[in-house]
N, C-alpha and C. Protein backbone atom coordinates (compact mmCIF):
# COMPACT_ATOMS: atom_id res chain seq x y z
N UNK A 1 118.36 34.85 48.30
CA UNK A 1 117.96 36.23 48.06
C UNK A 1 119.13 37.02 47.49
N UNK A 2 118.85 37.90 46.56
CA UNK A 2 119.86 38.74 45.95
C UNK A 2 120.38 39.74 46.97
N UNK A 3 121.68 40.06 46.88
CA UNK A 3 122.26 41.05 47.79
C UNK A 3 121.63 42.41 47.50
N UNK A 4 121.16 43.05 48.56
CA UNK A 4 120.55 44.37 48.41
C UNK A 4 121.65 45.43 48.36
N UNK A 5 121.53 46.35 47.42
CA UNK A 5 122.54 47.38 47.23
C UNK A 5 121.99 48.73 47.70
N UNK A 6 122.71 49.33 48.64
CA UNK A 6 122.34 50.66 49.14
C UNK A 6 123.08 51.68 48.28
N UNK A 7 122.32 52.67 47.79
CA UNK A 7 122.90 53.71 46.94
C UNK A 7 122.71 55.07 47.59
N UNK A 8 123.69 55.95 47.40
CA UNK A 8 123.49 57.34 47.79
C UNK A 8 122.56 57.94 46.76
N UNK A 9 121.49 58.58 47.24
CA UNK A 9 120.50 59.15 46.34
C UNK A 9 120.94 60.53 45.89
N UNK A 10 120.82 60.79 44.62
CA UNK A 10 121.12 62.11 44.09
C UNK A 10 119.98 63.06 44.49
N UNK A 11 120.34 64.27 44.81
CA UNK A 11 119.33 65.27 45.15
C UNK A 11 118.89 65.90 43.84
N UNK A 12 117.72 65.46 43.36
CA UNK A 12 117.17 66.00 42.13
C UNK A 12 115.65 65.83 42.15
N UNK A 13 115.00 66.30 41.12
CA UNK A 13 113.54 66.26 41.10
C UNK A 13 113.00 64.83 40.92
N UNK A 14 113.77 63.94 40.29
CA UNK A 14 113.35 62.54 40.17
C UNK A 14 113.28 61.91 41.56
N UNK A 15 114.30 62.15 42.39
CA UNK A 15 114.31 61.61 43.75
C UNK A 15 113.16 62.21 44.55
N UNK A 16 112.93 63.51 44.39
CA UNK A 16 111.82 64.17 45.08
C UNK A 16 110.50 63.50 44.71
N UNK A 17 110.34 63.19 43.44
CA UNK A 17 109.12 62.53 42.99
C UNK A 17 109.00 61.12 43.61
N UNK A 18 110.12 60.40 43.70
CA UNK A 18 110.10 59.06 44.32
C UNK A 18 109.73 59.14 45.80
N UNK A 19 110.15 60.20 46.49
CA UNK A 19 109.85 60.35 47.92
C UNK A 19 108.34 60.49 48.15
N UNK A 20 107.62 60.99 47.14
CA UNK A 20 106.17 61.13 47.28
C UNK A 20 105.50 59.78 47.51
N UNK A 21 106.10 58.71 46.99
CA UNK A 21 105.55 57.36 47.20
C UNK A 21 105.58 56.99 48.68
N UNK A 22 106.60 57.43 49.38
CA UNK A 22 106.71 57.09 50.80
C UNK A 22 105.65 57.82 51.61
N UNK A 23 105.38 59.03 51.29
CA UNK A 23 104.37 59.79 52.02
C UNK A 23 103.02 59.09 51.93
N UNK A 24 102.74 58.47 50.79
CA UNK A 24 101.47 57.76 50.62
C UNK A 24 101.38 56.55 51.54
N UNK A 25 102.50 55.89 51.77
CA UNK A 25 102.48 54.64 52.53
C UNK A 25 102.90 54.82 53.99
N UNK A 26 103.75 55.81 54.26
CA UNK A 26 104.33 55.93 55.60
C UNK A 26 103.75 57.09 56.38
N UNK A 27 104.17 57.17 57.62
CA UNK A 27 103.74 58.26 58.49
C UNK A 27 104.26 59.58 57.95
N UNK A 28 103.44 60.60 58.02
CA UNK A 28 103.83 61.92 57.51
C UNK A 28 105.11 62.41 58.18
N UNK A 29 105.31 62.08 59.45
CA UNK A 29 106.50 62.55 60.16
C UNK A 29 107.78 61.97 59.58
N UNK A 30 107.66 60.87 58.83
CA UNK A 30 108.84 60.26 58.24
C UNK A 30 109.13 60.78 56.85
N UNK A 31 108.29 61.65 56.34
CA UNK A 31 108.48 62.14 54.98
C UNK A 31 109.77 62.94 54.88
N UNK A 32 110.59 62.57 53.92
CA UNK A 32 111.84 63.29 53.71
C UNK A 32 111.68 64.30 52.58
N UNK A 33 110.50 64.40 52.03
CA UNK A 33 110.25 65.28 50.90
C UNK A 33 110.64 66.72 51.21
N UNK A 34 110.24 67.23 52.39
CA UNK A 34 110.57 68.61 52.74
C UNK A 34 112.07 68.79 52.91
N UNK A 35 112.74 67.80 53.53
CA UNK A 35 114.20 67.87 53.67
C UNK A 35 114.86 67.96 52.31
N UNK A 36 114.39 67.12 51.39
CA UNK A 36 114.97 67.08 50.06
C UNK A 36 114.72 68.39 49.32
N UNK A 37 113.50 68.90 49.38
CA UNK A 37 113.17 70.14 48.68
C UNK A 37 114.07 71.29 49.16
N UNK A 38 114.33 71.32 50.45
CA UNK A 38 115.15 72.40 51.02
C UNK A 38 116.61 72.29 50.59
N UNK A 39 117.03 71.11 50.16
CA UNK A 39 118.44 70.89 49.85
C UNK A 39 118.71 70.65 48.36
N UNK A 40 117.76 70.97 47.50
CA UNK A 40 117.96 70.64 46.08
C UNK A 40 119.08 71.48 45.48
N UNK A 41 120.10 70.76 45.09
CA UNK A 41 121.18 71.26 44.25
C UNK A 41 121.28 70.13 43.24
N UNK A 42 120.88 70.36 42.05
CA UNK A 42 120.69 69.27 41.08
C UNK A 42 121.84 68.27 41.09
N UNK A 43 121.48 67.01 41.33
CA UNK A 43 122.39 65.88 41.34
C UNK A 43 123.54 66.02 42.34
N UNK A 44 123.26 66.63 43.49
CA UNK A 44 124.25 66.74 44.55
C UNK A 44 124.70 65.34 44.94
N UNK A 45 126.00 65.07 44.80
CA UNK A 45 126.51 63.73 45.09
C UNK A 45 126.89 63.57 46.56
N UNK A 46 126.76 64.61 47.34
CA UNK A 46 127.08 64.54 48.77
C UNK A 46 125.81 64.57 49.61
N UNK A 47 124.73 64.09 49.07
CA UNK A 47 123.48 64.12 49.80
C UNK A 47 123.52 63.17 50.98
N UNK A 48 122.72 63.44 52.03
CA UNK A 48 122.66 62.53 53.18
C UNK A 48 121.64 61.41 52.98
N UNK A 49 121.04 61.32 51.79
CA UNK A 49 119.96 60.37 51.54
C UNK A 49 120.50 59.10 50.88
N UNK A 50 120.04 57.96 51.37
CA UNK A 50 120.43 56.66 50.84
C UNK A 50 119.18 55.84 50.60
N UNK A 51 119.24 54.94 49.64
CA UNK A 51 118.07 54.13 49.37
C UNK A 51 118.41 52.82 48.69
N UNK A 52 117.38 51.98 48.57
CA UNK A 52 117.49 50.71 47.87
C UNK A 52 116.37 50.66 46.84
N UNK A 53 116.74 50.27 45.64
CA UNK A 53 115.77 50.15 44.55
C UNK A 53 115.40 48.68 44.35
N UNK A 54 114.15 48.46 43.99
CA UNK A 54 113.68 47.17 43.49
C UNK A 54 113.36 47.45 42.03
N UNK A 55 114.20 46.97 41.14
CA UNK A 55 114.08 47.38 39.74
C UNK A 55 114.39 48.86 39.66
N UNK A 56 113.43 49.63 39.15
CA UNK A 56 113.63 51.09 39.06
C UNK A 56 112.86 51.85 40.13
N UNK A 57 112.27 51.12 41.08
CA UNK A 57 111.43 51.74 42.10
C UNK A 57 112.20 51.84 43.42
N UNK A 58 112.25 53.05 43.98
CA UNK A 58 112.86 53.27 45.29
C UNK A 58 111.90 52.68 46.33
N UNK A 59 112.36 51.67 47.09
CA UNK A 59 111.48 50.98 48.03
C UNK A 59 111.88 51.15 49.49
N UNK A 60 113.10 51.65 49.73
CA UNK A 60 113.58 51.86 51.10
C UNK A 60 114.52 53.05 51.09
N UNK A 61 114.45 53.83 52.17
CA UNK A 61 115.32 55.01 52.21
C UNK A 61 115.60 55.40 53.65
N UNK A 62 116.67 56.22 53.81
CA UNK A 62 117.03 56.78 55.10
C UNK A 62 117.88 58.02 54.84
N UNK A 63 118.04 58.83 55.86
CA UNK A 63 119.03 59.89 55.79
C UNK A 63 120.05 59.60 56.88
N UNK A 64 121.29 59.94 56.61
CA UNK A 64 122.41 59.62 57.47
C UNK A 64 123.30 60.85 57.56
N UNK A 65 123.44 61.38 58.77
CA UNK A 65 124.22 62.60 58.98
C UNK A 65 125.41 62.31 59.88
N UNK A 66 126.57 62.83 59.52
CA UNK A 66 127.76 62.72 60.38
C UNK A 66 127.75 63.89 61.35
N UNK A 67 127.82 63.57 62.65
CA UNK A 67 127.81 64.59 63.71
C UNK A 67 129.22 64.69 64.27
N UNK A 68 129.72 65.91 64.37
CA UNK A 68 131.06 66.16 64.87
C UNK A 68 131.17 65.82 66.35
N UNK A 69 132.33 65.30 66.75
CA UNK A 69 132.52 64.86 68.13
C UNK A 69 132.32 65.98 69.16
N UNK A 70 132.47 67.23 68.75
CA UNK A 70 132.26 68.32 69.72
C UNK A 70 130.81 68.39 70.19
N UNK A 71 129.90 67.74 69.45
CA UNK A 71 128.48 67.72 69.83
C UNK A 71 128.05 66.37 70.42
N UNK A 72 129.02 65.48 70.61
CA UNK A 72 128.72 64.12 71.09
C UNK A 72 128.32 64.14 72.56
N UNK A 73 127.08 63.72 72.84
CA UNK A 73 126.59 63.59 74.21
C UNK A 73 126.21 62.14 74.51
N UNK A 74 126.63 61.23 73.64
CA UNK A 74 126.18 59.85 73.74
C UNK A 74 127.29 58.83 73.98
N UNK A 75 128.48 59.04 73.41
CA UNK A 75 129.49 58.00 73.36
C UNK A 75 130.74 58.34 74.16
N UNK A 76 131.37 57.30 74.70
CA UNK A 76 132.61 57.44 75.44
C UNK A 76 133.59 56.45 74.84
N UNK A 77 134.71 56.92 74.28
CA UNK A 77 135.16 58.31 74.25
C UNK A 77 134.33 59.14 73.26
N UNK A 78 134.19 60.47 73.52
CA UNK A 78 133.47 61.33 72.58
C UNK A 78 134.12 61.26 71.19
N UNK A 79 133.31 61.19 70.17
CA UNK A 79 133.82 61.02 68.81
C UNK A 79 132.75 61.39 67.79
N UNK A 80 133.18 61.51 66.53
CA UNK A 80 132.21 61.69 65.45
C UNK A 80 131.31 60.46 65.45
N UNK A 81 130.04 60.67 65.12
CA UNK A 81 129.11 59.55 65.01
C UNK A 81 128.11 59.84 63.92
N UNK A 82 127.34 58.82 63.56
CA UNK A 82 126.31 58.97 62.53
C UNK A 82 124.95 59.04 63.19
N UNK A 83 124.12 59.93 62.68
CA UNK A 83 122.74 60.00 63.14
C UNK A 83 121.86 59.53 61.98
N UNK A 84 121.15 58.44 62.22
CA UNK A 84 120.30 57.81 61.22
C UNK A 84 118.88 58.32 61.43
N UNK A 85 118.31 58.91 60.40
CA UNK A 85 116.96 59.49 60.47
C UNK A 85 116.07 58.87 59.42
N UNK A 86 114.81 58.82 59.73
CA UNK A 86 113.75 58.58 58.76
C UNK A 86 113.95 57.33 57.91
N UNK A 87 114.36 56.25 58.54
CA UNK A 87 114.43 55.00 57.82
C UNK A 87 113.00 54.54 57.56
N UNK A 88 112.70 54.25 56.31
CA UNK A 88 111.36 53.81 55.96
C UNK A 88 111.43 52.86 54.77
N UNK A 89 110.60 51.83 54.83
CA UNK A 89 110.47 50.85 53.75
C UNK A 89 109.00 50.85 53.34
N UNK A 90 108.75 50.90 52.03
CA UNK A 90 107.37 50.86 51.56
C UNK A 90 106.69 49.57 52.02
N UNK A 91 105.43 49.67 52.35
CA UNK A 91 104.66 48.56 52.93
C UNK A 91 104.85 47.21 52.22
N UNK A 92 104.69 47.13 50.91
CA UNK A 92 104.80 45.81 50.26
C UNK A 92 106.20 45.18 50.34
N UNK A 93 107.20 45.96 50.74
CA UNK A 93 108.59 45.49 50.76
C UNK A 93 109.11 45.27 52.18
N UNK A 94 108.27 45.45 53.18
CA UNK A 94 108.69 45.26 54.57
C UNK A 94 108.92 43.79 54.88
N UNK A 95 109.76 43.56 55.89
CA UNK A 95 110.10 42.20 56.35
C UNK A 95 110.78 41.38 55.26
N UNK A 96 111.52 42.05 54.39
CA UNK A 96 112.26 41.37 53.33
C UNK A 96 113.75 41.72 53.38
N UNK A 97 114.19 42.40 54.47
CA UNK A 97 115.61 42.70 54.64
C UNK A 97 116.05 44.07 54.18
N UNK A 98 115.16 44.88 53.64
CA UNK A 98 115.55 46.20 53.15
C UNK A 98 115.97 47.13 54.29
N UNK A 99 115.18 47.18 55.34
CA UNK A 99 115.53 48.04 56.48
C UNK A 99 116.83 47.60 57.11
N UNK A 100 117.01 46.29 57.26
CA UNK A 100 118.23 45.75 57.85
C UNK A 100 119.44 46.08 56.98
N UNK A 101 119.28 46.03 55.66
CA UNK A 101 120.39 46.37 54.75
C UNK A 101 120.80 47.83 54.93
N UNK A 102 119.83 48.72 55.12
CA UNK A 102 120.17 50.13 55.35
C UNK A 102 120.93 50.30 56.67
N UNK A 103 120.48 49.60 57.71
CA UNK A 103 121.15 49.68 59.01
C UNK A 103 122.58 49.15 58.90
N UNK A 104 122.76 48.01 58.26
CA UNK A 104 124.10 47.43 58.11
C UNK A 104 125.01 48.37 57.31
N UNK A 105 124.44 49.06 56.33
CA UNK A 105 125.22 50.04 55.57
C UNK A 105 125.71 51.15 56.50
N UNK A 106 124.83 51.66 57.36
CA UNK A 106 125.22 52.72 58.31
C UNK A 106 126.34 52.22 59.23
N UNK A 107 126.23 50.99 59.71
CA UNK A 107 127.25 50.41 60.59
C UNK A 107 128.59 50.24 59.87
N UNK A 108 128.57 50.05 58.56
CA UNK A 108 129.79 49.76 57.80
C UNK A 108 130.81 50.90 57.85
N UNK A 109 130.40 52.09 58.26
CA UNK A 109 131.34 53.21 58.37
C UNK A 109 132.23 53.06 59.61
N UNK A 110 131.86 52.16 60.54
CA UNK A 110 132.68 51.92 61.73
C UNK A 110 132.54 52.96 62.81
N UNK A 111 131.61 53.89 62.63
CA UNK A 111 131.36 54.92 63.65
C UNK A 111 130.13 54.52 64.47
N UNK A 112 130.03 55.01 65.70
CA UNK A 112 128.78 54.77 66.43
C UNK A 112 127.61 55.34 65.64
N UNK A 113 126.44 54.74 65.82
CA UNK A 113 125.24 55.19 65.12
C UNK A 113 124.15 55.45 66.15
N UNK A 114 123.50 56.61 66.05
CA UNK A 114 122.39 56.97 66.93
C UNK A 114 121.14 57.14 66.09
N UNK A 115 120.02 56.70 66.61
CA UNK A 115 118.74 56.93 65.97
C UNK A 115 117.70 57.17 67.05
N UNK A 116 116.53 57.55 66.67
CA UNK A 116 115.41 57.69 67.60
C UNK A 116 114.34 56.71 67.19
N UNK A 117 113.97 55.86 68.13
CA UNK A 117 112.96 54.84 67.84
C UNK A 117 111.60 55.50 67.70
N UNK A 118 110.98 55.29 66.56
CA UNK A 118 109.61 55.75 66.35
C UNK A 118 108.68 54.76 67.03
N UNK A 119 107.46 55.16 67.20
CA UNK A 119 106.47 54.31 67.84
C UNK A 119 106.43 52.93 67.17
N UNK A 120 106.58 51.90 67.97
CA UNK A 120 106.50 50.54 67.47
C UNK A 120 107.75 50.01 66.80
N UNK A 121 108.87 50.77 66.83
CA UNK A 121 110.07 50.31 66.12
C UNK A 121 111.16 49.78 67.06
N UNK A 122 110.93 49.80 68.35
CA UNK A 122 111.96 49.38 69.31
C UNK A 122 112.45 47.96 69.04
N UNK A 123 111.54 47.06 68.70
CA UNK A 123 111.93 45.67 68.44
C UNK A 123 112.87 45.58 67.23
N UNK A 124 112.59 46.36 66.18
CA UNK A 124 113.47 46.38 65.00
C UNK A 124 114.88 46.80 65.39
N UNK A 125 114.98 47.88 66.18
CA UNK A 125 116.31 48.38 66.56
C UNK A 125 117.04 47.37 67.45
N UNK A 126 116.33 46.74 68.35
CA UNK A 126 116.95 45.73 69.22
C UNK A 126 117.48 44.56 68.38
N UNK A 127 116.71 44.10 67.38
CA UNK A 127 117.16 43.02 66.49
C UNK A 127 118.37 43.45 65.68
N UNK A 128 118.55 44.75 65.49
CA UNK A 128 119.65 45.29 64.70
C UNK A 128 120.87 45.60 65.56
N UNK A 129 120.88 45.08 66.80
CA UNK A 129 122.00 45.27 67.75
C UNK A 129 122.13 46.70 68.26
N UNK A 130 121.03 47.46 68.25
CA UNK A 130 121.03 48.78 68.84
C UNK A 130 120.56 48.64 70.28
N UNK A 131 121.02 49.53 71.14
CA UNK A 131 120.64 49.51 72.54
C UNK A 131 119.91 50.80 72.89
N UNK A 132 118.91 50.66 73.73
CA UNK A 132 118.20 51.82 74.23
C UNK A 132 119.10 52.50 75.26
N UNK A 133 119.26 53.81 75.15
CA UNK A 133 120.09 54.55 76.11
C UNK A 133 119.30 54.87 77.36
N UNK A 134 120.03 55.10 78.42
CA UNK A 134 119.43 55.59 79.65
C UNK A 134 118.86 56.97 79.33
N UNK A 135 117.58 57.16 79.59
CA UNK A 135 116.93 58.43 79.24
C UNK A 135 117.50 59.57 80.07
N UNK A 136 117.89 60.64 79.40
CA UNK A 136 118.41 61.85 80.05
C UNK A 136 117.53 63.01 79.57
N UNK A 137 116.66 63.55 80.46
CA UNK A 137 115.70 64.58 80.02
C UNK A 137 116.36 65.82 79.43
N UNK A 138 117.52 66.20 79.91
CA UNK A 138 118.20 67.38 79.36
C UNK A 138 118.75 67.14 77.97
N UNK A 139 119.15 65.93 77.70
CA UNK A 139 119.75 65.60 76.40
C UNK A 139 118.70 65.11 75.40
N UNK A 140 117.78 64.28 75.85
CA UNK A 140 116.90 63.57 74.93
C UNK A 140 115.58 64.28 74.63
N UNK A 141 115.13 65.16 75.47
CA UNK A 141 113.93 65.97 75.25
C UNK A 141 112.79 65.22 74.57
N UNK A 142 112.37 64.13 75.17
CA UNK A 142 111.22 63.39 74.64
C UNK A 142 111.54 62.38 73.56
N UNK A 143 112.78 62.32 73.11
CA UNK A 143 113.16 61.35 72.10
C UNK A 143 113.45 60.01 72.78
N UNK A 144 113.52 58.98 72.00
CA UNK A 144 113.83 57.64 72.50
C UNK A 144 115.10 57.15 71.80
N UNK A 145 116.29 57.59 72.26
CA UNK A 145 117.51 57.27 71.53
C UNK A 145 117.90 55.80 71.64
N UNK A 146 118.24 55.24 70.49
CA UNK A 146 118.83 53.91 70.39
C UNK A 146 120.18 54.09 69.72
N UNK A 147 121.19 53.35 70.16
CA UNK A 147 122.52 53.50 69.59
C UNK A 147 123.13 52.14 69.29
N UNK A 148 124.03 52.16 68.33
CA UNK A 148 124.86 51.00 68.03
C UNK A 148 126.28 51.39 68.39
N UNK A 149 126.90 50.56 69.21
CA UNK A 149 128.27 50.81 69.68
C UNK A 149 129.26 49.93 68.93
N UNK A 150 130.21 50.52 68.20
CA UNK A 150 131.28 49.69 67.65
C UNK A 150 132.18 49.25 68.82
N UNK A 151 133.03 48.29 68.58
CA UNK A 151 133.91 47.77 69.62
C UNK A 151 134.74 48.90 70.24
N UNK A 152 134.85 48.89 71.58
CA UNK A 152 135.65 49.88 72.29
C UNK A 152 134.92 51.16 72.64
N UNK A 153 133.63 51.24 72.30
CA UNK A 153 132.84 52.44 72.58
C UNK A 153 131.74 52.06 73.56
N UNK A 154 131.50 52.92 74.54
CA UNK A 154 130.43 52.69 75.52
C UNK A 154 129.56 53.93 75.64
N UNK A 155 128.49 53.80 76.41
CA UNK A 155 127.58 54.92 76.64
C UNK A 155 128.27 55.96 77.52
N UNK A 156 128.13 57.22 77.14
CA UNK A 156 128.65 58.32 77.93
C UNK A 156 127.81 58.47 79.20
N UNK A 157 128.46 58.72 80.32
CA UNK A 157 127.71 58.93 81.55
C UNK A 157 126.92 60.22 81.43
N UNK A 158 125.73 60.22 82.03
CA UNK A 158 124.90 61.43 82.01
C UNK A 158 125.63 62.56 82.69
N UNK A 159 125.49 63.73 82.12
CA UNK A 159 126.09 64.92 82.70
C UNK A 159 125.14 65.50 83.72
N UNK A 160 125.66 66.02 84.84
CA UNK A 160 124.75 66.66 85.80
C UNK A 160 124.08 67.87 85.16
N UNK A 161 122.88 68.13 85.59
CA UNK A 161 122.13 69.27 85.06
C UNK A 161 122.89 70.56 85.32
N UNK A 162 122.90 71.44 84.32
CA UNK A 162 123.58 72.72 84.48
C UNK A 162 122.59 73.83 84.81
N UNK A 163 121.35 73.44 85.05
CA UNK A 163 120.33 74.42 85.42
C UNK A 163 120.57 74.83 86.87
N UNK A 164 120.78 76.11 87.13
CA UNK A 164 121.05 76.53 88.51
C UNK A 164 119.82 76.36 89.39
N UNK A 165 120.08 75.95 90.60
CA UNK A 165 119.01 75.82 91.58
C UNK A 165 119.02 77.10 92.41
N UNK A 166 117.86 77.74 92.48
CA UNK A 166 117.80 78.99 93.24
C UNK A 166 117.09 78.75 94.56
N UNK A 167 117.60 79.42 95.57
CA UNK A 167 116.97 79.30 96.89
C UNK A 167 115.79 80.22 96.97
N UNK A 168 114.76 79.75 97.64
CA UNK A 168 113.61 80.62 97.89
C UNK A 168 113.69 81.14 99.31
N UNK A 169 113.51 82.41 99.46
CA UNK A 169 113.50 82.99 100.81
C UNK A 169 112.15 83.65 101.03
N UNK A 170 111.74 83.60 102.27
CA UNK A 170 110.44 84.23 102.57
C UNK A 170 110.64 85.53 103.26
């Protein structure tokens, strides 16, 4: 198999048009079209969007955001990490390594990577060496976080709830 090449996608109307293909095949919640429309600065080279082309057709995509360590609630020691969102591969191209190539690209930065497992995707993340975190209702709010730990990084211990407990008196 040919080596799959992950490219940073330019933020432009051509990319916006390509994203419409994903909406047709994928879950509406995974559509990055609205994200892209909100961020259009023609040919922005610092976009958070990455993809893989088959010929001239965009067949796999994700967004990848760097989160500053001051907001880290997942990793010990606290550090900058990547948040991987909306990974999607068009139906005819699934199970051919495109999703895995995007994940390996995210890992190549050497930072911890956090994502939220969508319905039915837990097995994919587990095969990609991601681990399900201990659920923390204050931090996760209904999400299902999966993380990839680079060497020397572990899961941050849950923080005690900061919600004050009030006494009831009669």
